[in-house]
Amino acid sequence: MQEIIKIISEHLDVDQSKITPSSNLIDDLNADWLDIPEIVIACEEKYTIHIEDSVTESIKTVQDLITAVENKK
């Protein structure tokens, strides 16, 4: 989980302490609609996994992303 938070923090330039599993990527962390696929790609590269587009489209919160990654590991 901490590695995923680090990826989000670096991509969105948000302090890691402000990112919680319940944080909404767009509403709370000011991501835009292009940031989410880029964050997913960074996670895919980090963990050598593939997250389907349909799953990427459903990611709204940090926990959604964590779950998507964990389901592929």
N, C-alpha and C. Protein backbone atom coordinates (compact mmCIF):
# COMPACT_ATOMS: atom_id res chain seq x y z
N MET A 1 0.83 -1.19 0.00
CA MET A 1 0.00 0.00 0.00
C MET A 1 0.87 1.26 0.00
N GLN A 2 1.95 1.25 0.76
CA GLN A 2 2.79 2.44 0.86
C GLN A 2 3.44 2.78 -0.48
N GLU A 3 3.82 1.76 -1.25
CA GLU A 3 4.41 2.01 -2.57
C GLU A 3 3.40 2.67 -3.50
N ILE A 4 2.15 2.25 -3.42
CA ILE A 4 1.10 2.85 -4.26
C ILE A 4 0.87 4.30 -3.84
N ILE A 5 0.84 4.55 -2.56
CA ILE A 5 0.70 5.93 -2.07
C ILE A 5 1.87 6.77 -2.54
N LYS A 6 3.07 6.20 -2.54
CA LYS A 6 4.25 6.92 -3.02
C LYS A 6 4.10 7.28 -4.51
N ILE A 7 3.62 6.34 -5.31
CA ILE A 7 3.40 6.60 -6.74
C ILE A 7 2.40 7.74 -6.93
N ILE A 8 1.30 7.67 -6.19
CA ILE A 8 0.28 8.73 -6.29
C ILE A 8 0.87 10.07 -5.86
N SER A 9 1.60 10.07 -4.76
CA SER A 9 2.20 11.29 -4.24
C SER A 9 3.13 11.93 -5.26
N GLU A 10 3.99 11.12 -5.86
CA GLU A 10 4.94 11.66 -6.84
C GLU A 10 4.23 12.15 -8.10
N HIS A 11 3.22 11.41 -8.54
CA HIS A 11 2.54 11.79 -9.78
C HIS A 11 1.71 13.08 -9.60
N LEU A 12 1.04 13.18 -8.46
CA LEU A 12 0.14 14.31 -8.25
C LEU A 12 0.79 15.44 -7.44
N ASP A 13 2.04 15.23 -7.01
CA ASP A 13 2.75 16.21 -6.20
C ASP A 13 1.94 16.57 -4.95
N VAL A 14 1.52 15.51 -4.24
CA VAL A 14 0.77 15.66 -3.00
C VAL A 14 1.56 14.97 -1.89
N ASP A 15 1.64 15.59 -0.73
CA ASP A 15 2.36 14.99 0.39
C ASP A 15 1.72 13.65 0.76
N GLN A 16 2.56 12.64 0.97
CA GLN A 16 2.06 11.30 1.28
C GLN A 16 1.17 11.29 2.51
N SER A 17 1.43 12.17 3.47
CA SER A 17 0.63 12.20 4.70
C SER A 17 -0.82 12.62 4.44
N LYS A 18 -1.08 13.24 3.30
CA LYS A 18 -2.43 13.68 2.97
C LYS A 18 -3.22 12.61 2.21
N ILE A 19 -2.56 11.49 1.88
CA ILE A 19 -3.20 10.44 1.09
C ILE A 19 -3.61 9.30 2.00
N THR A 20 -4.91 9.00 2.00
CA THR A 20 -5.43 7.88 2.78
C THR A 20 -6.16 6.94 1.82
N PRO A 21 -6.44 5.72 2.24
CA PRO A 21 -7.17 4.81 1.36
C PRO A 21 -8.52 5.37 0.90
N SER A 22 -9.15 6.17 1.72
CA SER A 22 -10.46 6.70 1.35
C SER A 22 -10.39 7.96 0.50
N SER A 23 -9.18 8.48 0.26
CA SER A 23 -9.04 9.69 -0.56
C SER A 23 -9.56 9.46 -1.97
N ASN A 24 -10.41 10.39 -2.42
CA ASN A 24 -10.89 10.35 -3.80
C ASN A 24 -9.82 11.01 -4.66
N LEU A 25 -9.39 10.32 -5.70
CA LEU A 25 -8.28 10.82 -6.51
C LEU A 25 -8.59 12.17 -7.14
N ILE A 26 -9.81 12.36 -7.60
CA ILE A 26 -10.16 13.62 -8.27
C ILE A 26 -10.58 14.68 -7.26
N ASP A 27 -11.53 14.34 -6.40
CA ASP A 27 -12.09 15.34 -5.48
C ASP A 27 -11.12 15.75 -4.37
N ASP A 28 -10.39 14.79 -3.81
CA ASP A 28 -9.53 15.09 -2.67
C ASP A 28 -8.08 15.40 -3.06
N LEU A 29 -7.60 14.74 -4.12
CA LEU A 29 -6.19 14.86 -4.47
C LEU A 29 -5.95 15.66 -5.75
N ASN A 30 -7.03 16.21 -6.30
CA ASN A 30 -6.97 17.09 -7.47
C ASN A 30 -6.38 16.44 -8.72
N ALA A 31 -6.57 15.14 -8.87
CA ALA A 31 -6.19 14.48 -10.11
C ALA A 31 -7.18 14.88 -11.19
N ASP A 32 -6.75 14.83 -12.44
CA ASP A 32 -7.72 15.01 -13.52
C ASP A 32 -7.95 13.65 -14.19
N TRP A 33 -8.83 13.61 -15.14
CA TRP A 33 -9.21 12.32 -15.74
C TRP A 33 -8.06 11.63 -16.45
N LEU A 34 -7.02 12.38 -16.83
CA LEU A 34 -5.85 11.76 -17.46
C LEU A 34 -4.85 11.22 -16.45
N ASP A 35 -4.87 11.75 -15.24
CA ASP A 35 -3.91 11.32 -14.22
C ASP A 35 -4.14 9.87 -13.80
N ILE A 36 -5.40 9.47 -13.70
CA ILE A 36 -5.69 8.12 -13.19
C ILE A 36 -5.08 7.04 -14.08
N PRO A 37 -5.30 7.06 -15.41
CA PRO A 37 -4.63 6.03 -16.22
C PRO A 37 -3.10 6.08 -16.12
N GLU A 38 -2.54 7.27 -15.98
CA GLU A 38 -1.09 7.37 -15.85
C GLU A 38 -0.60 6.75 -14.54
N ILE A 39 -1.35 6.95 -13.48
CA ILE A 39 -1.01 6.34 -12.18
C ILE A 39 -1.14 4.82 -12.27
N VAL A 40 -2.19 4.36 -12.94
CA VAL A 40 -2.38 2.92 -13.12
C VAL A 40 -1.20 2.33 -13.90
N ILE A 41 -0.79 3.01 -14.96
CA ILE A 41 0.36 2.53 -15.76
C ILE A 41 1.62 2.47 -14.90
N ALA A 42 1.83 3.47 -14.06
CA ALA A 42 3.00 3.45 -13.17
C ALA A 42 2.94 2.26 -12.22
N CYS A 43 1.76 1.94 -11.72
CA CYS A 43 1.60 0.77 -10.84
C CYS A 43 1.81 -0.52 -11.62
N GLU A 44 1.31 -0.57 -12.85
CA GLU A 44 1.51 -1.76 -13.69
C GLU A 44 3.00 -2.01 -13.91
N GLU A 45 3.73 -0.95 -14.19
CA GLU A 45 5.17 -1.09 -14.43
C GLU A 45 5.90 -1.49 -13.15
N LYS A 46 5.51 -0.91 -12.02
CA LYS A 46 6.15 -1.22 -10.74
C LYS A 46 5.97 -2.69 -10.36
N TYR A 47 4.75 -3.20 -10.57
CA TYR A 47 4.42 -4.56 -10.12
C TYR A 47 4.39 -5.59 -11.25
N THR A 48 4.71 -5.18 -12.47
CA THR A 48 4.68 -6.06 -13.65
C THR A 48 3.34 -6.80 -13.74
N ILE A 49 2.28 -6.01 -13.79
CA ILE A 49 0.92 -6.54 -13.89
C ILE A 49 0.20 -5.80 -15.01
N HIS A 50 -1.02 -6.25 -15.32
CA HIS A 50 -1.88 -5.53 -16.26
C HIS A 50 -3.26 -5.37 -15.63
N ILE A 51 -3.72 -4.14 -15.56
CA ILE A 51 -5.05 -3.83 -15.05
C ILE A 51 -5.92 -3.48 -16.25
N GLU A 52 -7.02 -4.18 -16.39
CA GLU A 52 -7.91 -3.97 -17.54
C GLU A 52 -8.48 -2.54 -17.54
N ASP A 53 -8.77 -2.07 -18.74
CA ASP A 53 -9.32 -0.72 -18.89
C ASP A 53 -10.63 -0.56 -18.12
N SER A 54 -11.45 -1.59 -18.11
CA SER A 54 -12.73 -1.51 -17.40
C SER A 54 -12.51 -1.29 -15.90
N VAL A 55 -11.46 -1.88 -15.36
CA VAL A 55 -11.12 -1.70 -13.95
C VAL A 55 -10.57 -0.29 -13.74
N THR A 56 -9.70 0.14 -14.64
CA THR A 56 -9.13 1.49 -14.54
C THR A 56 -10.24 2.54 -14.51
N GLU A 57 -11.24 2.35 -15.35
CA GLU A 57 -12.35 3.31 -15.42
C GLU A 57 -13.15 3.37 -14.13
N SER A 58 -13.11 2.30 -13.34
CA SER A 58 -13.90 2.28 -12.09
C SER A 58 -13.10 2.78 -10.88
N ILE A 59 -11.83 3.10 -11.06
CA ILE A 59 -11.01 3.56 -9.95
C ILE A 59 -11.34 5.01 -9.61
N LYS A 60 -11.81 5.20 -8.38
CA LYS A 60 -12.17 6.54 -7.91
C LYS A 60 -11.35 6.93 -6.68
N THR A 61 -11.05 5.94 -5.83
CA THR A 61 -10.34 6.23 -4.59
C THR A 61 -8.99 5.52 -4.57
N VAL A 62 -8.17 5.90 -3.61
CA VAL A 62 -6.88 5.24 -3.44
C VAL A 62 -7.11 3.76 -3.15
N GLN A 63 -8.13 3.44 -2.33
CA GLN A 63 -8.41 2.04 -2.02
C GLN A 63 -8.81 1.27 -3.27
N ASP A 64 -9.54 1.89 -4.18
CA ASP A 64 -9.89 1.22 -5.44
C ASP A 64 -8.62 0.81 -6.18
N LEU A 65 -7.64 1.68 -6.20
CA LEU A 65 -6.38 1.39 -6.89
C LEU A 65 -5.61 0.29 -6.17
N ILE A 66 -5.56 0.38 -4.84
CA ILE A 66 -4.88 -0.65 -4.06
C ILE A 66 -5.51 -2.01 -4.31
N THR A 67 -6.83 -2.06 -4.31
CA THR A 67 -7.54 -3.32 -4.55
C THR A 67 -7.25 -3.85 -5.94
N ALA A 68 -7.26 -2.98 -6.94
CA ALA A 68 -7.00 -3.40 -8.32
C ALA A 68 -5.60 -4.00 -8.43
N VAL A 69 -4.62 -3.38 -7.79
CA VAL A 69 -3.25 -3.89 -7.83
C VAL A 69 -3.15 -5.22 -7.08
N GLU A 70 -3.74 -5.28 -5.89
CA GLU A 70 -3.67 -6.50 -5.09
C GLU A 70 -4.33 -7.68 -5.80
N ASN A 71 -5.40 -7.41 -6.53
CA ASN A 71 -6.10 -8.49 -7.25
C ASN A 71 -5.27 -9.04 -8.39
N LYS A 72 -4.23 -8.32 -8.83
CA LYS A 72 -3.39 -8.76 -9.94
C LYS A 72 -2.05 -9.33 -9.49
N LYS A 73 -1.70 -9.15 -8.23
CA LYS A 73 -0.40 -9.62 -7.75
C LYS A 73 -0.43 -11.10 -7.46
